[in-house]
Amino acid sequence: PVPTGPMLARFGRRVGALIIDSFVIGSVSLVVGAIANVPGLAQTTSSNTGTTYMLTNSGWSSLLVAIVSGLYCIGGWLVWSGTPAQRLLGIHVYRFTGPQALAFEAAALRWVLLFGIDSVLGTLAVVSPSLQGSLGLGQLAWLVALIVTTWQSPTKQGIHDRYAGSLVVRN
């Protein structure tokens, strides 16, 4: 039989896009943090290699990464129906009701559920070292919930997709 609905994006392709997007978000955050001299961005100097920068654990650097990822993902879903990595891998994030870009509220909710909860828990773990173990376990539990709900759904909709009313499809 010939499928009549959209071709759902496979789990591996979605994870691949997430890995590429994470690399881009981290790189942009590192550059912005270096330019803005954000606390939590350590500058190390070597006489042979020049000046280098790296992100360290800081509530400010965690907040910067959250802001960059929010702008990157929400903007990509609104403008191109996918982040740059999703588009590179032939993936679109549409409304569940049809091939239309997400509304701002849906894109923002999708980001909060996909990245925002993890960002808040990570920032709290940096700010409250005594709670790092519990908050880290919370991050892991949330990640497992996202993976399991996406994997088990016949429409490949994780919690973030269901609440945002989004569907991830291939071209």
N, C-alpha and C. Protein backbone atom coordinates (compact mmCIF):
# COMPACT_ATOMS: atom_id res chain seq x y z
N PRO A 1 0.82 -1.20 0.00
CA PRO A 1 0.00 0.00 0.00
C PRO A 1 0.87 1.26 0.00
N VAL A 2 0.40 2.29 -0.66
CA VAL A 2 1.10 3.57 -0.74
C VAL A 2 0.67 4.43 0.44
N PRO A 3 1.65 4.99 1.21
CA PRO A 3 1.28 5.84 2.35
C PRO A 3 0.54 7.08 1.88
N THR A 4 -0.49 7.48 2.63
CA THR A 4 -1.29 8.63 2.23
C THR A 4 -0.94 9.89 3.00
N GLY A 5 -0.34 9.76 4.19
CA GLY A 5 -0.01 10.92 5.01
C GLY A 5 1.42 11.37 4.78
N PRO A 6 1.85 12.32 5.58
CA PRO A 6 3.23 12.81 5.45
C PRO A 6 4.23 11.74 5.88
N MET A 7 5.43 11.81 5.32
CA MET A 7 6.51 10.92 5.72
C MET A 7 7.09 11.46 7.03
N LEU A 8 6.94 10.70 8.07
CA LEU A 8 7.45 11.14 9.37
C LEU A 8 8.97 11.05 9.38
N ALA A 9 9.60 12.01 10.03
CA ALA A 9 11.05 12.01 10.15
C ALA A 9 11.46 10.90 11.10
N ARG A 10 12.46 10.14 10.70
CA ARG A 10 12.94 9.05 11.54
C ARG A 10 13.69 9.60 12.75
N PHE A 11 13.69 8.79 13.80
CA PHE A 11 14.30 9.17 15.06
C PHE A 11 15.78 9.52 14.88
N GLY A 12 16.52 8.71 14.14
CA GLY A 12 17.95 8.94 13.94
C GLY A 12 18.23 10.25 13.24
N ARG A 13 17.41 10.60 12.27
CA ARG A 13 17.57 11.86 11.55
C ARG A 13 17.31 13.04 12.48
N ARG A 14 16.31 12.88 13.34
CA ARG A 14 16.00 13.94 14.30
C ARG A 14 17.16 14.13 15.29
N VAL A 15 17.73 13.03 15.76
CA VAL A 15 18.85 13.10 16.69
C VAL A 15 20.06 13.73 15.99
N GLY A 16 20.30 13.35 14.74
CA GLY A 16 21.41 13.94 13.98
C GLY A 16 21.28 15.45 13.87
N ALA A 17 20.08 15.91 13.58
CA ALA A 17 19.84 17.36 13.49
C ALA A 17 20.05 18.02 14.85
N LEU A 18 19.63 17.35 15.91
CA LEU A 18 19.81 17.90 17.26
C LEU A 18 21.29 18.02 17.61
N ILE A 19 22.08 17.05 17.22
CA ILE A 19 23.53 17.10 17.49
C ILE A 19 24.17 18.26 16.74
N ILE A 20 23.83 18.42 15.46
CA ILE A 20 24.38 19.52 14.66
C ILE A 20 23.93 20.86 15.22
N ASP A 21 22.64 20.98 15.54
CA ASP A 21 22.13 22.23 16.11
C ASP A 21 22.82 22.55 17.43
N SER A 22 23.06 21.55 18.26
CA SER A 22 23.72 21.77 19.56
C SER A 22 25.14 22.30 19.35
N PHE A 23 25.83 21.77 18.37
CA PHE A 23 27.18 22.26 18.06
C PHE A 23 27.13 23.73 17.63
N VAL A 24 26.18 24.07 16.78
CA VAL A 24 26.05 25.46 16.31
C VAL A 24 25.69 26.38 17.48
N ILE A 25 24.72 25.97 18.28
CA ILE A 25 24.30 26.79 19.43
C ILE A 25 25.46 27.00 20.39
N GLY A 26 26.21 25.95 20.67
CA GLY A 26 27.36 26.07 21.56
C GLY A 26 28.42 26.99 21.00
N SER A 27 28.68 26.88 19.72
CA SER A 27 29.70 27.72 19.07
C SER A 27 29.29 29.19 19.09
N VAL A 28 28.03 29.45 18.73
CA VAL A 28 27.54 30.84 18.74
C VAL A 28 27.57 31.40 20.16
N SER A 29 27.17 30.59 21.14
CA SER A 29 27.18 31.03 22.53
C SER A 29 28.60 31.36 22.99
N LEU A 30 29.54 30.56 22.57
CA LEU A 30 30.94 30.79 22.93
C LEU A 30 31.44 32.12 22.35
N VAL A 31 31.13 32.38 21.09
CA VAL A 31 31.56 33.63 20.45
C VAL A 31 30.87 34.83 21.09
N VAL A 32 29.55 34.75 21.27
CA VAL A 32 28.82 35.86 21.89
C VAL A 32 29.33 36.09 23.31
N GLY A 33 29.55 35.02 24.05
CA GLY A 33 30.04 35.14 25.41
C GLY A 33 31.42 35.77 25.47
N ALA A 34 32.28 35.44 24.52
CA ALA A 34 33.62 36.03 24.49
C ALA A 34 33.55 37.52 24.17
N ILE A 35 32.70 37.88 23.21
CA ILE A 35 32.56 39.29 22.83
C ILE A 35 31.94 40.10 23.97
N ALA A 36 30.91 39.53 24.62
CA ALA A 36 30.20 40.25 25.68
C ALA A 36 30.86 40.08 27.04
N ASN A 37 31.93 39.31 27.12
CA ASN A 37 32.63 39.07 28.38
C ASN A 37 31.69 38.55 29.46
N VAL A 38 30.91 37.53 29.10
CA VAL A 38 29.94 36.94 30.01
C VAL A 38 30.66 36.16 31.11
N PRO A 39 30.28 36.36 32.38
CA PRO A 39 30.88 35.56 33.45
C PRO A 39 30.62 34.08 33.19
N GLY A 40 31.62 33.27 33.44
CA GLY A 40 31.50 31.84 33.17
C GLY A 40 32.20 31.46 31.90
N LEU A 41 32.74 32.45 31.21
CA LEU A 41 33.53 32.18 30.02
C LEU A 41 34.99 32.41 30.42
N ALA A 42 35.71 31.33 30.57
CA ALA A 42 37.09 31.43 31.04
C ALA A 42 38.02 31.74 29.89
N GLN A 43 38.90 32.68 30.10
CA GLN A 43 39.92 33.02 29.10
C GLN A 43 41.22 32.37 29.54
N THR A 44 41.79 31.60 28.66
CA THR A 44 43.08 30.99 28.96
C THR A 44 44.07 31.47 27.92
N THR A 45 45.26 31.75 28.36
CA THR A 45 46.28 32.30 27.45
C THR A 45 47.50 31.39 27.46
N SER A 46 48.02 31.17 26.28
CA SER A 46 49.26 30.41 26.14
C SER A 46 50.18 31.22 25.24
N SER A 47 51.44 31.28 25.58
CA SER A 47 52.37 32.09 24.79
C SER A 47 52.54 31.55 23.38
N ASN A 48 52.32 30.26 23.18
CA ASN A 48 52.49 29.67 21.85
C ASN A 48 51.24 29.71 21.00
N THR A 49 50.08 29.62 21.62
CA THR A 49 48.84 29.50 20.85
C THR A 49 47.98 30.75 20.87
N GLY A 50 48.28 31.74 21.66
CA GLY A 50 47.45 32.93 21.73
C GLY A 50 46.37 32.78 22.79
N THR A 51 45.30 33.54 22.65
CA THR A 51 44.22 33.53 23.63
C THR A 51 43.14 32.56 23.18
N THR A 52 42.67 31.74 24.10
CA THR A 52 41.57 30.82 23.81
C THR A 52 40.48 31.03 24.87
N TYR A 53 39.27 30.61 24.55
CA TYR A 53 38.14 30.74 25.46
C TYR A 53 37.45 29.39 25.59
N MET A 54 36.82 29.17 26.74
CA MET A 54 36.00 27.99 26.93
C MET A 54 34.88 28.32 27.91
N LEU A 55 33.73 27.67 27.73
CA LEU A 55 32.63 27.87 28.66
C LEU A 55 32.89 27.08 29.93
N THR A 56 32.64 27.69 31.06
CA THR A 56 32.72 27.00 32.33
C THR A 56 31.33 27.01 32.95
N ASN A 57 31.16 26.29 34.02
CA ASN A 57 29.85 26.27 34.66
C ASN A 57 29.58 27.59 35.35
N SER A 58 28.59 28.28 34.88
CA SER A 58 28.17 29.54 35.46
C SER A 58 26.71 29.72 35.12
N GLY A 59 25.96 30.24 36.05
CA GLY A 59 24.55 30.51 35.76
C GLY A 59 24.40 31.45 34.58
N TRP A 60 25.35 32.41 34.43
CA TRP A 60 25.28 33.37 33.33
C TRP A 60 25.55 32.71 31.99
N SER A 61 26.54 31.84 31.94
CA SER A 61 26.83 31.17 30.66
C SER A 61 25.71 30.20 30.30
N SER A 62 25.11 29.57 31.30
CA SER A 62 23.96 28.68 31.04
C SER A 62 22.78 29.49 30.50
N LEU A 63 22.57 30.66 31.08
CA LEU A 63 21.49 31.53 30.61
C LEU A 63 21.75 31.98 29.17
N LEU A 64 23.00 32.31 28.86
CA LEU A 64 23.36 32.71 27.50
C LEU A 64 23.06 31.60 26.50
N VAL A 65 23.43 30.37 26.84
CA VAL A 65 23.16 29.23 25.94
C VAL A 65 21.65 29.06 25.77
N ALA A 66 20.87 29.23 26.83
CA ALA A 66 19.42 29.12 26.74
C ALA A 66 18.85 30.19 25.81
N ILE A 67 19.33 31.42 25.93
CA ILE A 67 18.84 32.50 25.07
C ILE A 67 19.20 32.24 23.62
N VAL A 68 20.44 31.85 23.36
CA VAL A 68 20.85 31.58 21.98
C VAL A 68 20.04 30.42 21.41
N SER A 69 19.85 29.35 22.19
CA SER A 69 19.08 28.22 21.66
C SER A 69 17.62 28.59 21.42
N GLY A 70 17.06 29.42 22.29
CA GLY A 70 15.68 29.87 22.09
C GLY A 70 15.52 30.67 20.81
N LEU A 71 16.41 31.65 20.60
CA LEU A 71 16.35 32.45 19.38
C LEU A 71 16.56 31.59 18.13
N TYR A 72 17.54 30.70 18.20
CA TYR A 72 17.91 29.84 17.07
C TYR A 72 16.76 28.89 16.70
N CYS A 73 16.24 28.18 17.71
CA CYS A 73 15.20 27.18 17.42
C CYS A 73 13.85 27.82 17.10
N ILE A 74 13.40 28.72 17.96
CA ILE A 74 12.09 29.34 17.72
C ILE A 74 12.11 30.10 16.40
N GLY A 75 13.19 30.85 16.15
CA GLY A 75 13.30 31.56 14.88
C GLY A 75 13.29 30.63 13.69
N GLY A 76 14.04 29.54 13.77
CA GLY A 76 14.07 28.57 12.67
C GLY A 76 12.72 27.94 12.41
N TRP A 77 12.02 27.57 13.49
CA TRP A 77 10.70 26.94 13.32
C TRP A 77 9.68 27.92 12.75
N LEU A 78 9.79 29.19 13.11
CA LEU A 78 8.84 30.19 12.60
C LEU A 78 9.13 30.57 11.15
N VAL A 79 10.40 30.78 10.83
CA VAL A 79 10.77 31.31 9.51
C VAL A 79 10.90 30.23 8.46
N TRP A 80 11.57 29.11 8.81
CA TRP A 80 11.88 28.08 7.81
C TRP A 80 11.20 26.74 8.08
N SER A 81 10.35 26.67 9.09
CA SER A 81 9.72 25.42 9.51
C SER A 81 10.77 24.37 9.87
N GLY A 82 11.87 24.82 10.43
CA GLY A 82 12.92 23.92 10.87
C GLY A 82 14.18 24.69 11.18
N THR A 83 14.99 24.16 12.07
CA THR A 83 16.28 24.78 12.34
C THR A 83 17.18 24.55 11.13
N PRO A 84 18.29 25.25 11.03
CA PRO A 84 19.19 25.01 9.90
C PRO A 84 19.61 23.54 9.76
N ALA A 85 19.91 22.87 10.86
CA ALA A 85 20.31 21.46 10.78
C ALA A 85 19.14 20.58 10.35
N GLN A 86 17.95 20.87 10.84
CA GLN A 86 16.78 20.10 10.41
C GLN A 86 16.56 20.25 8.91
N ARG A 87 16.69 21.46 8.42
CA ARG A 87 16.51 21.69 6.98
C ARG A 87 17.62 21.01 6.19
N LEU A 88 18.85 21.04 6.70
CA LEU A 88 19.98 20.38 6.04
C LEU A 88 19.71 18.88 5.89
N LEU A 89 19.07 18.29 6.90
CA LEU A 89 18.77 16.86 6.87
C LEU A 89 17.38 16.55 6.32
N GLY A 90 16.74 17.54 5.71
CA GLY A 90 15.46 17.31 5.04
C GLY A 90 14.28 17.16 5.97
N ILE A 91 14.30 17.85 7.09
CA ILE A 91 13.23 17.76 8.08
C ILE A 91 12.49 19.09 8.17
N HIS A 92 11.18 19.02 8.33
CA HIS A 92 10.35 20.20 8.57
C HIS A 92 9.57 19.99 9.86
N VAL A 93 9.36 21.06 10.60
CA VAL A 93 8.51 21.03 11.78
C VAL A 93 7.28 21.84 11.43
N TYR A 94 6.16 21.14 11.27
CA TYR A 94 4.91 21.77 10.86
C TYR A 94 3.87 21.66 11.98
N ARG A 95 2.79 22.39 11.76
CA ARG A 95 1.63 22.23 12.62
C ARG A 95 1.07 20.83 12.38
N PHE A 96 0.52 20.23 13.40
CA PHE A 96 -0.04 18.89 13.26
C PHE A 96 -1.18 18.88 12.25
N THR A 97 -1.85 20.01 12.09
CA THR A 97 -3.01 20.09 11.22
C THR A 97 -2.67 20.23 9.74
N GLY A 98 -1.41 20.48 9.42
CA GLY A 98 -1.06 20.62 8.01
C GLY A 98 0.30 21.26 7.83
N PRO A 99 0.76 21.34 6.58
CA PRO A 99 2.11 21.86 6.31
C PRO A 99 2.21 23.38 6.41
N GLN A 100 2.09 23.88 7.62
CA GLN A 100 2.23 25.30 7.91
C GLN A 100 3.24 25.46 9.04
N ALA A 101 3.98 26.57 9.01
CA ALA A 101 4.93 26.86 10.09
C ALA A 101 4.18 26.99 11.41
N LEU A 102 4.86 26.70 12.49
CA LEU A 102 4.26 26.83 13.81
C LEU A 102 3.96 28.29 14.12
N ALA A 103 2.92 28.53 14.89
CA ALA A 103 2.66 29.86 15.43
C ALA A 103 3.69 30.13 16.52
N PHE A 104 3.90 31.39 16.85
CA PHE A 104 4.91 31.74 17.85
C PHE A 104 4.68 31.00 19.17
N GLU A 105 3.45 30.97 19.64
CA GLU A 105 3.16 30.33 20.94
C GLU A 105 3.52 28.86 20.90
N ALA A 106 3.22 28.18 19.80
CA ALA A 106 3.53 26.76 19.67
C ALA A 106 5.05 26.54 19.60
N ALA A 107 5.74 27.39 18.86
CA ALA A 107 7.20 27.27 18.75
C ALA A 107 7.86 27.52 20.10
N ALA A 108 7.38 28.52 20.82
CA ALA A 108 7.94 28.82 22.14
C ALA A 108 7.68 27.67 23.11
N LEU A 109 6.47 27.12 23.10
CA LEU A 109 6.15 26.00 23.98
C LEU A 109 6.99 24.77 23.62
N ARG A 110 7.17 24.52 22.34
CA ARG A 110 8.00 23.40 21.89
C ARG A 110 9.43 23.57 22.40
N TRP A 111 9.98 24.79 22.33
CA TRP A 111 11.33 25.04 22.83
C TRP A 111 11.40 24.84 24.34
N VAL A 112 10.41 25.37 25.06
CA VAL A 112 10.41 25.22 26.52
C VAL A 112 10.45 23.74 26.91
N LEU A 113 9.64 22.94 26.25
CA LEU A 113 9.59 21.52 26.60
C LEU A 113 10.80 20.75 26.10
N LEU A 114 11.36 21.15 24.99
CA LEU A 114 12.50 20.44 24.42
C LEU A 114 13.83 20.88 25.06
N PHE A 115 14.02 22.17 25.29
CA PHE A 115 15.28 22.70 25.80
C PHE A 115 15.15 23.49 27.10
N GLY A 116 14.05 24.19 27.27
CA GLY A 116 13.91 25.11 28.39
C GLY A 116 13.95 24.45 29.75
N ILE A 117 13.26 23.33 29.90
CA ILE A 117 13.25 22.64 31.19
C ILE A 117 14.66 22.19 31.55
N ASP A 118 15.36 21.62 30.58
CA ASP A 118 16.74 21.19 30.81
C ASP A 118 17.63 22.38 31.14
N SER A 119 17.43 23.51 30.47
CA SER A 119 18.24 24.70 30.73
C SER A 119 18.02 25.23 32.14
N VAL A 120 16.78 25.25 32.58
CA VAL A 120 16.48 25.73 33.93
C VAL A 120 17.10 24.80 34.97
N LEU A 121 16.94 23.49 34.79
CA LEU A 121 17.52 22.54 35.74
C LEU A 121 19.04 22.65 35.77
N GLY A 122 19.65 22.82 34.58
CA GLY A 122 21.10 22.96 34.51
C GLY A 122 21.59 24.23 35.18
N THR A 123 20.89 25.32 34.97
CA THR A 123 21.27 26.59 35.61
C THR A 123 21.12 26.50 37.12
N LEU A 124 20.03 25.89 37.58
CA LEU A 124 19.84 25.73 39.02
C LEU A 124 20.93 24.85 39.63
N ALA A 125 21.36 23.84 38.89
CA ALA A 125 22.42 22.96 39.39
C ALA A 125 23.73 23.71 39.56
N VAL A 126 24.00 24.67 38.67
CA VAL A 126 25.22 25.48 38.77
C VAL A 126 25.12 26.44 39.95
N VAL A 127 23.95 27.03 40.12
CA VAL A 127 23.75 28.03 41.17
C VAL A 127 23.65 27.37 42.55
N SER A 128 23.10 26.16 42.60
CA SER A 128 22.92 25.44 43.87
C SER A 128 23.68 24.12 43.84
N PRO A 129 24.99 24.16 44.08
CA PRO A 129 25.80 22.94 43.99
C PRO A 129 25.31 21.79 44.86
N SER A 130 24.66 22.09 45.99
CA SER A 130 24.18 21.03 46.87
C SER A 130 23.05 20.22 46.22
N LEU A 131 22.40 20.79 45.21
CA LEU A 131 21.30 20.10 44.53
C LEU A 131 21.70 19.50 43.19
N GLN A 132 22.99 19.56 42.85
CA GLN A 132 23.43 19.10 41.53
C GLN A 132 23.00 17.67 41.23
N GLY A 133 23.14 16.77 42.19
CA GLY A 133 22.77 15.37 41.95
C GLY A 133 21.30 15.21 41.62
N SER A 134 20.45 15.83 42.42
CA SER A 134 19.00 15.73 42.21
C SER A 134 18.58 16.40 40.90
N LEU A 135 19.14 17.57 40.63
CA LEU A 135 18.78 18.29 39.41
C LEU A 135 19.32 17.56 38.18
N GLY A 136 20.52 17.00 38.28
CA GLY A 136 21.06 16.21 37.18
C GLY A 136 20.20 15.00 36.90
N LEU A 137 19.70 14.36 37.94
CA LEU A 137 18.79 13.22 37.78
C LEU A 137 17.49 13.68 37.12
N GLY A 138 17.04 14.87 37.50
CA GLY A 138 15.84 15.43 36.87
C GLY A 138 16.06 15.68 35.38
N GLN A 139 17.24 16.19 35.02
CA GLN A 139 17.57 16.40 33.60
C GLN A 139 17.56 15.08 32.84
N LEU A 140 18.17 14.07 33.43
CA LEU A 140 18.22 12.76 32.79
C LEU A 140 16.82 12.17 32.64
N ALA A 141 16.00 12.29 33.68
CA ALA A 141 14.63 11.77 33.62
C ALA A 141 13.83 12.48 32.52
N TRP A 142 14.00 13.79 32.39
CA TRP A 142 13.28 14.53 31.35
C TRP A 142 13.74 14.10 29.96
N LEU A 143 15.04 13.93 29.79
CA LEU A 143 15.57 13.47 28.51
C LEU A 143 15.01 12.09 28.15
N VAL A 144 14.98 11.20 29.11
CA VAL A 144 14.42 9.86 28.88
C VAL A 144 12.94 9.97 28.50
N ALA A 145 12.19 10.83 29.18
CA ALA A 145 10.77 11.02 28.86
C ALA A 145 10.60 11.51 27.42
N LEU A 146 11.44 12.46 26.99
CA LEU A 146 11.36 12.96 25.61
C LEU A 146 11.66 11.85 24.62
N ILE A 147 12.70 11.08 24.88
CA ILE A 147 13.08 10.00 23.96
C ILE A 147 12.01 8.93 23.90
N VAL A 148 11.54 8.47 25.05
CA VAL A 148 10.55 7.38 25.09
C VAL A 148 9.24 7.80 24.45
N THR A 149 8.76 9.01 24.75
CA THR A 149 7.48 9.43 24.18
C THR A 149 7.58 9.63 22.67
N THR A 150 8.74 10.07 22.18
CA THR A 150 8.93 10.21 20.73
C THR A 150 9.02 8.84 20.07
N TRP A 151 9.80 7.97 20.67
CA TRP A 151 10.04 6.64 20.11
C TRP A 151 8.75 5.82 20.05
N GLN A 152 7.92 5.90 21.09
CA GLN A 152 6.74 5.05 21.19
C GLN A 152 5.51 5.59 20.46
N SER A 153 5.52 6.83 20.10
CA SER A 153 4.37 7.44 19.45
C SER A 153 4.24 6.97 18.00
N PRO A 154 3.06 6.56 17.58
CA PRO A 154 2.89 6.17 16.17
C PRO A 154 3.13 7.33 15.21
N THR A 155 2.94 8.55 15.68
CA THR A 155 3.19 9.73 14.85
C THR A 155 4.55 10.35 15.15
N LYS A 156 5.35 9.68 15.98
CA LYS A 156 6.69 10.15 16.38
C LYS A 156 6.63 11.52 17.04
N GLN A 157 5.57 11.75 17.80
CA GLN A 157 5.43 13.00 18.53
C GLN A 157 5.81 12.78 19.99
N GLY A 158 6.88 13.44 20.41
CA GLY A 158 7.24 13.41 21.82
C GLY A 158 6.33 14.35 22.59
N ILE A 159 6.55 14.41 23.89
CA ILE A 159 5.76 15.32 24.73
C ILE A 159 5.79 16.73 24.17
N HIS A 160 6.96 17.17 23.75
CA HIS A 160 7.12 18.53 23.23
C HIS A 160 6.29 18.75 21.97
N ASP A 161 6.20 17.75 21.12
CA ASP A 161 5.40 17.87 19.90
C ASP A 161 3.90 17.83 20.19
N ARG A 162 3.51 16.96 21.09
CA ARG A 162 2.07 16.83 21.39
C ARG A 162 1.51 18.12 21.97
N TYR A 163 2.21 18.69 22.96
CA TYR A 163 1.71 19.91 23.58
C TYR A 163 1.80 21.11 22.67
N ALA A 164 2.79 21.14 21.79
CA ALA A 164 2.94 22.27 20.86
C ALA A 164 2.09 22.09 19.61
N GLY A 165 1.54 20.91 19.41
CA GLY A 165 0.74 20.64 18.22
C GLY A 165 1.61 20.60 16.96
N SER A 166 2.83 20.04 17.10
CA SER A 166 3.74 19.98 15.97
C SER A 166 3.96 18.56 15.50
N LEU A 167 4.38 18.43 14.25
CA LEU A 167 4.68 17.15 13.63
C LEU A 167 5.97 17.33 12.84
N VAL A 168 6.90 16.40 12.99
CA VAL A 168 8.19 16.49 12.31
C VAL A 168 8.17 15.53 11.13
N VAL A 169 8.30 16.08 9.93
CA VAL A 169 8.19 15.28 8.71
C VAL A 169 9.43 15.45 7.83
N ARG A 170 9.59 14.51 6.90
CA ARG A 170 10.66 14.58 5.91
C ARG A 170 10.13 15.23 4.65
N ASN A 171 11.03 15.79 3.88
CA ASN A 171 10.64 16.38 2.58
C ASN A 171 10.14 15.30 1.66
